[in-house]
Each structure stands twice: as structure tokens, then as C-alpha cells.
């Protein structure tokens, strides 16, 4: 059983922010900033592709609810929503979860930096993505 499943079943304690029949939100134990919250389905899904559409709908509605809660209660101006999907993308716990990271103007957090495509690279990608 994964660590998040143990949190869902209360085998491991957490700082629960919100819970309903299908989802759970709790403070990250190693937050990027105070208020960094994880939102996950109570059913174990290893990644985004595995989750059913009805459960994904419930999950994203909880993400929206927690985002609003963080804005209202913490007075934040905005937040990042991040999913590390599979280990190569930084997913440590193999249970689908969304990170909601509160942001403040000038907080210094850099989520990613962009780069320009090399000549012909975008066209090659489009051909792969749109061909049958």
C-alpha cells in the first residue's frame, strides 16, 4: 500500500485540509511554501492516464475548491497547479496527486524556464502528434 493510501485510511496522520467521499486534500509534508497542498483521489490510480473520467471530474472540482480556499483563507494572489506524472517527471509517490502551490508576487519561485524550438523541431513534433 502506498503512503497516500495509508494517509487515506488514517494509518499515517496528515494535516487534512478537506475530505469528501472521493477525494482528500492535505498539507504537503515538505512544502515548497507554507500552504502547499496535495489533492488526490481516494481510489489508487498510479498516474493521470489511469484515472476514470468520473473520478477525474471529482478530483479537479476538489482542486478548484482548494484553490479558492487558499485564496480566501490565506490571502494569496494565485497558485500553481502541478502534476508530476510518472517517475521521469518527478513523481515520487505512485498515486496520482495535484500539488497546489500558493504564490506571492516576487516570491522567487521558478517553476520552469522556456526555450525556443530549433529550426524544424516544432514541425516534426506536430507531424508526430497529428499523424495516425
N, C-alpha and C. Protein backbone atom coordinates (compact mmCIF):
# COMPACT_ATOMS: atom_id res chain seq x y z
N UNK A 1 0.85 -1.18 0.00
CA UNK A 1 0.00 0.00 0.00
C UNK A 1 0.90 1.25 0.00
N UNK A 2 0.58 2.20 -0.86
CA UNK A 2 1.41 3.40 -0.97
C UNK A 2 1.16 4.33 0.22
N UNK A 3 2.06 5.27 0.41
CA UNK A 3 1.98 6.19 1.55
C UNK A 3 0.69 7.02 1.51
N UNK A 4 0.23 7.40 0.32
CA UNK A 4 -1.00 8.19 0.25
C UNK A 4 -2.22 7.34 0.60
N UNK A 5 -2.21 6.07 0.20
CA UNK A 5 -3.30 5.16 0.59
C UNK A 5 -3.33 5.00 2.11
N UNK A 6 -2.15 5.00 2.73
CA UNK A 6 -2.08 4.90 4.20
C UNK A 6 -2.60 6.19 4.85
N UNK A 7 -2.39 7.32 4.22
CA UNK A 7 -2.95 8.58 4.73
C UNK A 7 -4.47 8.56 4.57
N UNK A 8 -4.96 8.07 3.44
CA UNK A 8 -6.40 7.98 3.21
C UNK A 8 -7.08 7.12 4.26
N UNK A 9 -6.43 6.00 4.64
CA UNK A 9 -7.02 5.08 5.62
C UNK A 9 -6.64 5.44 7.06
N UNK A 10 -6.00 6.58 7.25
CA UNK A 10 -5.59 7.08 8.57
C UNK A 10 -4.54 6.21 9.27
N UNK A 11 -3.82 5.40 8.51
CA UNK A 11 -2.70 4.66 9.08
C UNK A 11 -1.52 5.60 9.32
N UNK A 12 -1.47 6.67 8.55
CA UNK A 12 -0.47 7.73 8.71
C UNK A 12 -1.24 9.02 8.89
N UNK A 13 -0.83 9.83 9.85
CA UNK A 13 -1.52 11.10 10.09
C UNK A 13 -1.10 12.15 9.07
N UNK A 14 -1.99 13.09 8.87
CA UNK A 14 -1.71 14.20 7.97
C UNK A 14 -2.48 15.42 8.46
N UNK A 15 -2.13 16.55 7.89
CA UNK A 15 -2.87 17.79 8.18
C UNK A 15 -3.93 17.94 7.09
N UNK A 16 -5.10 17.36 7.32
CA UNK A 16 -6.17 17.37 6.34
C UNK A 16 -6.76 18.77 6.21
N UNK A 17 -6.87 19.20 4.96
CA UNK A 17 -7.47 20.48 4.64
C UNK A 17 -8.93 20.28 4.23
N UNK A 18 -9.19 19.16 3.54
CA UNK A 18 -10.54 18.89 3.02
C UNK A 18 -10.65 17.41 2.73
N UNK A 19 -11.87 16.89 2.91
CA UNK A 19 -12.11 15.49 2.58
C UNK A 19 -13.57 15.32 2.22
N UNK A 20 -13.82 14.53 1.17
CA UNK A 20 -15.17 14.12 0.85
C UNK A 20 -15.14 12.64 0.52
N UNK A 21 -16.20 12.09 -0.03
CA UNK A 21 -16.28 10.65 -0.27
C UNK A 21 -15.24 10.14 -1.25
N UNK A 22 -14.80 11.01 -2.19
CA UNK A 22 -13.90 10.53 -3.25
C UNK A 22 -12.53 11.18 -3.28
N UNK A 23 -12.34 12.28 -2.56
CA UNK A 23 -11.07 12.99 -2.63
C UNK A 23 -10.57 13.40 -1.25
N UNK A 24 -9.30 13.73 -1.20
CA UNK A 24 -8.66 14.17 0.03
C UNK A 24 -7.65 15.26 -0.31
N UNK A 25 -7.57 16.27 0.53
CA UNK A 25 -6.57 17.32 0.39
C UNK A 25 -5.88 17.49 1.74
N UNK A 26 -4.55 17.55 1.70
CA UNK A 26 -3.79 17.72 2.93
C UNK A 26 -2.52 18.50 2.64
N UNK A 27 -1.96 19.10 3.70
CA UNK A 27 -0.73 19.87 3.54
C UNK A 27 0.43 18.94 3.19
N UNK A 28 1.25 19.37 2.24
CA UNK A 28 2.45 18.61 1.88
C UNK A 28 3.41 18.60 3.07
N UNK A 29 4.00 17.46 3.36
CA UNK A 29 4.95 17.36 4.49
C UNK A 29 6.26 18.08 4.22
N UNK A 30 6.58 18.31 2.96
CA UNK A 30 7.81 19.02 2.57
C UNK A 30 7.41 20.14 1.60
N UNK A 31 6.74 21.17 2.12
CA UNK A 31 6.17 22.19 1.24
C UNK A 31 7.21 23.07 0.56
N UNK A 32 6.86 23.47 -0.64
CA UNK A 32 7.63 24.48 -1.35
C UNK A 32 7.49 25.81 -0.64
N UNK A 33 6.26 26.11 -0.23
CA UNK A 33 5.92 27.30 0.56
C UNK A 33 4.81 26.90 1.54
N UNK A 34 4.61 27.65 2.61
CA UNK A 34 3.50 27.33 3.51
C UNK A 34 2.16 27.32 2.76
N UNK A 35 1.35 26.34 3.04
CA UNK A 35 0.06 26.20 2.37
C UNK A 35 0.08 25.25 1.18
N UNK A 36 1.28 24.81 0.76
CA UNK A 36 1.42 23.83 -0.34
C UNK A 36 0.56 22.62 0.01
N UNK A 37 -0.45 22.37 -0.81
CA UNK A 37 -1.45 21.34 -0.52
C UNK A 37 -1.48 20.30 -1.62
N UNK A 38 -1.66 19.04 -1.22
CA UNK A 38 -1.80 17.93 -2.16
C UNK A 38 -3.27 17.54 -2.22
N UNK A 39 -3.75 17.28 -3.43
CA UNK A 39 -5.13 16.85 -3.63
C UNK A 39 -5.08 15.55 -4.42
N UNK A 40 -5.78 14.52 -3.92
CA UNK A 40 -5.71 13.22 -4.57
C UNK A 40 -7.04 12.48 -4.50
N UNK A 41 -7.21 11.54 -5.42
CA UNK A 41 -8.40 10.70 -5.33
C UNK A 41 -8.19 9.65 -4.25
N UNK A 42 -9.27 9.24 -3.61
CA UNK A 42 -9.15 8.20 -2.59
C UNK A 42 -8.92 6.82 -3.22
N UNK A 43 -9.36 6.65 -4.44
CA UNK A 43 -9.06 5.42 -5.18
C UNK A 43 -7.63 5.53 -5.69
N UNK A 44 -6.87 4.46 -5.57
CA UNK A 44 -5.48 4.48 -6.02
C UNK A 44 -5.40 4.41 -7.54
N UNK A 45 -4.84 5.44 -8.12
CA UNK A 45 -4.50 5.48 -9.55
C UNK A 45 -3.04 5.87 -9.62
N UNK A 46 -2.21 5.16 -10.37
CA UNK A 46 -0.79 5.48 -10.41
C UNK A 46 -0.46 6.77 -11.16
N UNK A 47 -1.30 7.14 -12.13
CA UNK A 47 -1.00 8.34 -12.91
C UNK A 47 -2.27 8.88 -13.55
N UNK A 48 -2.14 9.97 -14.29
CA UNK A 48 -3.28 10.66 -14.87
C UNK A 48 -4.01 9.82 -15.91
N UNK A 49 -3.28 9.02 -16.67
CA UNK A 49 -3.93 8.21 -17.70
C UNK A 49 -4.79 7.09 -17.12
N UNK A 50 -4.50 6.67 -15.90
CA UNK A 50 -5.20 5.54 -15.30
C UNK A 50 -6.55 5.92 -14.68
N UNK A 51 -6.74 7.17 -14.32
CA UNK A 51 -7.95 7.57 -13.60
C UNK A 51 -9.17 7.57 -14.52
N UNK A 52 -10.31 7.15 -13.96
CA UNK A 52 -11.56 7.19 -14.72
C UNK A 52 -12.00 8.65 -14.90
N UNK A 53 -12.77 8.90 -15.94
CA UNK A 53 -13.24 10.26 -16.18
C UNK A 53 -14.13 10.79 -15.05
N UNK A 54 -15.05 9.98 -14.51
CA UNK A 54 -15.85 10.50 -13.38
C UNK A 54 -14.99 10.84 -12.17
N UNK A 55 -13.99 10.00 -11.86
CA UNK A 55 -13.12 10.29 -10.72
C UNK A 55 -12.23 11.51 -11.00
N UNK A 56 -11.81 11.68 -12.24
CA UNK A 56 -11.02 12.86 -12.60
C UNK A 56 -11.86 14.12 -12.46
N UNK A 57 -13.11 14.04 -12.83
CA UNK A 57 -14.00 15.19 -12.69
C UNK A 57 -14.14 15.57 -11.22
N UNK A 58 -14.37 14.57 -10.36
CA UNK A 58 -14.46 14.84 -8.91
C UNK A 58 -13.15 15.44 -8.39
N UNK A 59 -12.03 14.91 -8.86
CA UNK A 59 -10.72 15.37 -8.40
C UNK A 59 -10.47 16.81 -8.79
N UNK A 60 -10.73 17.16 -10.04
CA UNK A 60 -10.44 18.52 -10.48
C UNK A 60 -11.39 19.53 -9.82
N UNK A 61 -12.60 19.11 -9.50
CA UNK A 61 -13.50 20.00 -8.76
C UNK A 61 -12.98 20.26 -7.34
N UNK A 62 -12.35 19.25 -6.75
CA UNK A 62 -11.74 19.46 -5.43
C UNK A 62 -10.52 20.36 -5.56
N UNK A 63 -9.73 20.19 -6.60
CA UNK A 63 -8.58 21.08 -6.84
C UNK A 63 -9.07 22.53 -6.91
N UNK A 64 -10.13 22.76 -7.66
CA UNK A 64 -10.70 24.11 -7.77
C UNK A 64 -11.16 24.62 -6.41
N UNK A 65 -11.83 23.77 -5.64
CA UNK A 65 -12.32 24.16 -4.31
C UNK A 65 -11.16 24.53 -3.39
N UNK A 66 -10.08 23.76 -3.42
CA UNK A 66 -8.93 24.04 -2.56
C UNK A 66 -8.21 25.30 -3.02
N UNK A 67 -8.11 25.50 -4.32
CA UNK A 67 -7.53 26.75 -4.82
C UNK A 67 -8.27 27.96 -4.30
N UNK A 68 -9.59 27.91 -4.36
CA UNK A 68 -10.41 29.01 -3.85
C UNK A 68 -10.22 29.17 -2.34
N UNK A 69 -10.18 28.05 -1.61
CA UNK A 69 -9.97 28.08 -0.16
C UNK A 69 -8.65 28.76 0.19
N UNK A 70 -7.58 28.39 -0.52
CA UNK A 70 -6.27 29.00 -0.26
C UNK A 70 -6.30 30.50 -0.52
N UNK A 71 -6.95 30.91 -1.61
CA UNK A 71 -7.06 32.34 -1.89
C UNK A 71 -7.84 33.07 -0.80
N UNK A 72 -8.97 32.49 -0.43
CA UNK A 72 -9.84 33.15 0.56
C UNK A 72 -9.23 33.18 1.96
N UNK A 73 -8.66 32.08 2.39
CA UNK A 73 -8.21 31.97 3.79
C UNK A 73 -6.77 32.43 4.00
N UNK A 74 -5.92 32.29 2.99
CA UNK A 74 -4.52 32.69 3.14
C UNK A 74 -4.22 34.04 2.49
N UNK A 75 -5.17 34.55 1.74
CA UNK A 75 -4.98 35.84 1.10
C UNK A 75 -3.95 35.83 -0.01
N UNK A 76 -3.76 34.68 -0.65
CA UNK A 76 -2.78 34.60 -1.74
C UNK A 76 -3.38 35.16 -3.02
N UNK A 77 -2.53 35.63 -3.92
CA UNK A 77 -2.98 36.20 -5.17
C UNK A 77 -3.21 35.14 -6.24
N UNK A 78 -2.54 34.01 -6.12
CA UNK A 78 -2.67 32.95 -7.12
C UNK A 78 -1.95 31.70 -6.66
N UNK A 79 -1.92 30.71 -7.52
CA UNK A 79 -1.27 29.44 -7.19
C UNK A 79 -0.93 28.68 -8.46
N UNK A 80 0.02 27.80 -8.34
CA UNK A 80 0.35 26.86 -9.41
C UNK A 80 -0.32 25.53 -9.10
N UNK A 81 -0.79 24.87 -10.14
CA UNK A 81 -1.29 23.50 -10.04
C UNK A 81 -0.32 22.65 -10.83
N UNK A 82 0.28 21.67 -10.16
CA UNK A 82 1.30 20.85 -10.81
C UNK A 82 0.99 19.37 -10.59
N UNK A 83 1.13 18.59 -11.65
CA UNK A 83 1.05 17.14 -11.57
C UNK A 83 2.36 16.59 -12.10
N UNK A 84 3.09 15.89 -11.27
CA UNK A 84 4.29 15.18 -11.72
C UNK A 84 3.80 13.79 -12.13
N UNK A 85 3.68 13.57 -13.43
CA UNK A 85 3.05 12.36 -13.95
C UNK A 85 4.09 11.34 -14.37
N UNK A 86 4.32 10.36 -13.55
CA UNK A 86 5.28 9.27 -13.71
C UNK A 86 6.65 9.69 -13.17
N UNK A 87 7.46 8.70 -12.79
CA UNK A 87 8.75 9.00 -12.14
C UNK A 87 9.67 9.92 -12.95
N UNK A 88 9.70 9.78 -14.26
CA UNK A 88 10.60 10.62 -15.07
C UNK A 88 10.23 12.10 -14.94
N UNK A 89 8.98 12.38 -14.58
CA UNK A 89 8.52 13.76 -14.41
C UNK A 89 8.61 14.23 -12.96
N UNK A 90 9.21 13.41 -12.10
CA UNK A 90 9.39 13.81 -10.71
C UNK A 90 8.36 13.24 -9.75
N UNK A 91 7.49 12.35 -10.22
CA UNK A 91 6.51 11.74 -9.33
C UNK A 91 7.21 10.78 -8.39
N UNK A 92 7.15 11.06 -7.09
CA UNK A 92 7.81 10.23 -6.08
C UNK A 92 6.85 9.18 -5.53
N UNK A 93 5.63 9.60 -5.20
CA UNK A 93 4.62 8.67 -4.69
C UNK A 93 3.77 8.21 -5.88
N UNK A 94 3.67 6.91 -6.12
CA UNK A 94 2.95 6.42 -7.30
C UNK A 94 1.43 6.41 -7.11
N UNK A 95 0.89 7.53 -6.69
CA UNK A 95 -0.55 7.73 -6.52
C UNK A 95 -0.82 9.12 -7.10
N UNK A 96 -1.68 9.19 -8.10
CA UNK A 96 -1.98 10.47 -8.74
C UNK A 96 -2.31 11.54 -7.71
N UNK A 97 -1.67 12.69 -7.84
CA UNK A 97 -1.96 13.80 -6.94
C UNK A 97 -1.59 15.13 -7.61
N UNK A 98 -2.35 16.13 -7.24
CA UNK A 98 -2.10 17.50 -7.71
C UNK A 98 -1.46 18.28 -6.58
N UNK A 99 -0.44 19.04 -6.92
CA UNK A 99 0.16 20.00 -5.98
C UNK A 99 -0.49 21.35 -6.23
N UNK A 100 -0.95 21.99 -5.19
CA UNK A 100 -1.42 23.38 -5.29
C UNK A 100 -0.44 24.20 -4.47
N UNK A 101 0.29 25.05 -5.16
CA UNK A 101 1.37 25.82 -4.54
C UNK A 101 0.99 27.30 -4.52
N UNK A 102 0.72 27.85 -3.32
CA UNK A 102 0.40 29.27 -3.22
C UNK A 102 1.54 30.15 -3.74
N UNK A 103 1.17 31.23 -4.40
CA UNK A 103 2.16 32.14 -4.94
C UNK A 103 1.94 33.55 -4.46
N UNK A 104 3.04 34.28 -4.34
CA UNK A 104 3.01 35.70 -4.00
C UNK A 104 3.90 36.44 -4.98
N UNK A 105 3.56 37.65 -5.27
CA UNK A 105 4.37 38.45 -6.18
C UNK A 105 5.79 38.55 -5.65
N UNK A 106 6.77 38.25 -6.50
CA UNK A 106 8.16 38.35 -6.11
C UNK A 106 8.64 37.27 -5.17
N UNK A 107 7.94 36.12 -5.11
CA UNK A 107 8.34 35.06 -4.17
C UNK A 107 9.60 34.30 -4.60
N UNK A 108 10.04 34.52 -5.83
CA UNK A 108 11.29 33.92 -6.28
C UNK A 108 11.19 32.49 -6.77
N UNK A 109 10.01 31.89 -6.68
CA UNK A 109 9.86 30.52 -7.17
C UNK A 109 9.87 30.50 -8.70
N UNK A 110 10.66 29.61 -9.25
CA UNK A 110 10.67 29.41 -10.69
C UNK A 110 10.23 28.00 -10.98
N UNK A 111 9.12 27.86 -11.66
CA UNK A 111 8.58 26.54 -11.95
C UNK A 111 9.29 25.93 -13.16
N UNK A 112 9.53 26.71 -14.19
CA UNK A 112 10.27 26.23 -15.36
C UNK A 112 10.75 27.43 -16.17
N UNK A 113 11.69 27.14 -17.02
CA UNK A 113 12.16 28.16 -17.96
C UNK A 113 11.89 27.64 -19.37
N UNK A 114 11.55 28.52 -20.26
CA UNK A 114 11.23 28.14 -21.64
C UNK A 114 12.43 28.24 -22.55
N UNK A 115 12.33 27.54 -23.65
CA UNK A 115 13.38 27.56 -24.68
C UNK A 115 12.72 27.63 -26.04
N UNK A 116 13.40 28.21 -27.00
CA UNK A 116 12.89 28.26 -28.37
C UNK A 116 13.10 26.91 -29.04
N UNK A 117 12.18 26.59 -29.96
CA UNK A 117 12.36 25.39 -30.77
C UNK A 117 13.52 25.59 -31.74
N UNK A 118 14.24 24.53 -32.01
CA UNK A 118 15.27 24.55 -33.05
C UNK A 118 14.57 24.55 -34.40
N UNK A 119 15.22 25.01 -35.46
CA UNK A 119 14.59 25.02 -36.78
C UNK A 119 14.07 23.62 -37.15
N UNK A 120 12.79 23.57 -37.52
CA UNK A 120 12.17 22.32 -37.95
C UNK A 120 11.66 21.44 -36.81
N UNK A 121 12.01 21.75 -35.57
CA UNK A 121 11.64 20.89 -34.45
C UNK A 121 10.13 20.91 -34.18
N UNK A 122 9.51 22.08 -34.20
CA UNK A 122 8.08 22.18 -33.95
C UNK A 122 7.29 21.45 -35.04
N UNK A 123 7.71 21.61 -36.28
CA UNK A 123 7.03 20.95 -37.39
C UNK A 123 7.12 19.42 -37.25
N UNK A 124 8.28 18.92 -36.85
CA UNK A 124 8.46 17.47 -36.67
C UNK A 124 7.57 16.95 -35.54
N UNK A 125 7.46 17.72 -34.48
CA UNK A 125 6.59 17.32 -33.37
C UNK A 125 5.12 17.29 -33.79
N UNK A 126 4.70 18.32 -34.51
CA UNK A 126 3.31 18.38 -34.99
C UNK A 126 3.01 17.18 -35.88
N UNK A 127 3.95 16.83 -36.73
CA UNK A 127 3.75 15.66 -37.61
C UNK A 127 3.57 14.39 -36.81
N UNK A 128 4.34 14.20 -35.77
CA UNK A 128 4.20 13.02 -34.91
C UNK A 128 2.89 13.02 -34.14
N UNK A 129 2.52 14.20 -33.63
CA UNK A 129 1.33 14.29 -32.79
C UNK A 129 0.01 14.21 -33.55
N UNK A 130 0.03 14.59 -34.80
CA UNK A 130 -1.23 14.66 -35.56
C UNK A 130 -1.36 13.56 -36.61
N UNK A 131 -0.35 12.74 -36.78
CA UNK A 131 -0.45 11.65 -37.78
C UNK A 131 -1.09 10.43 -37.15
N UNK A 132 -1.77 9.66 -37.96
CA UNK A 132 -2.41 8.44 -37.43
C UNK A 132 -1.47 7.32 -37.45
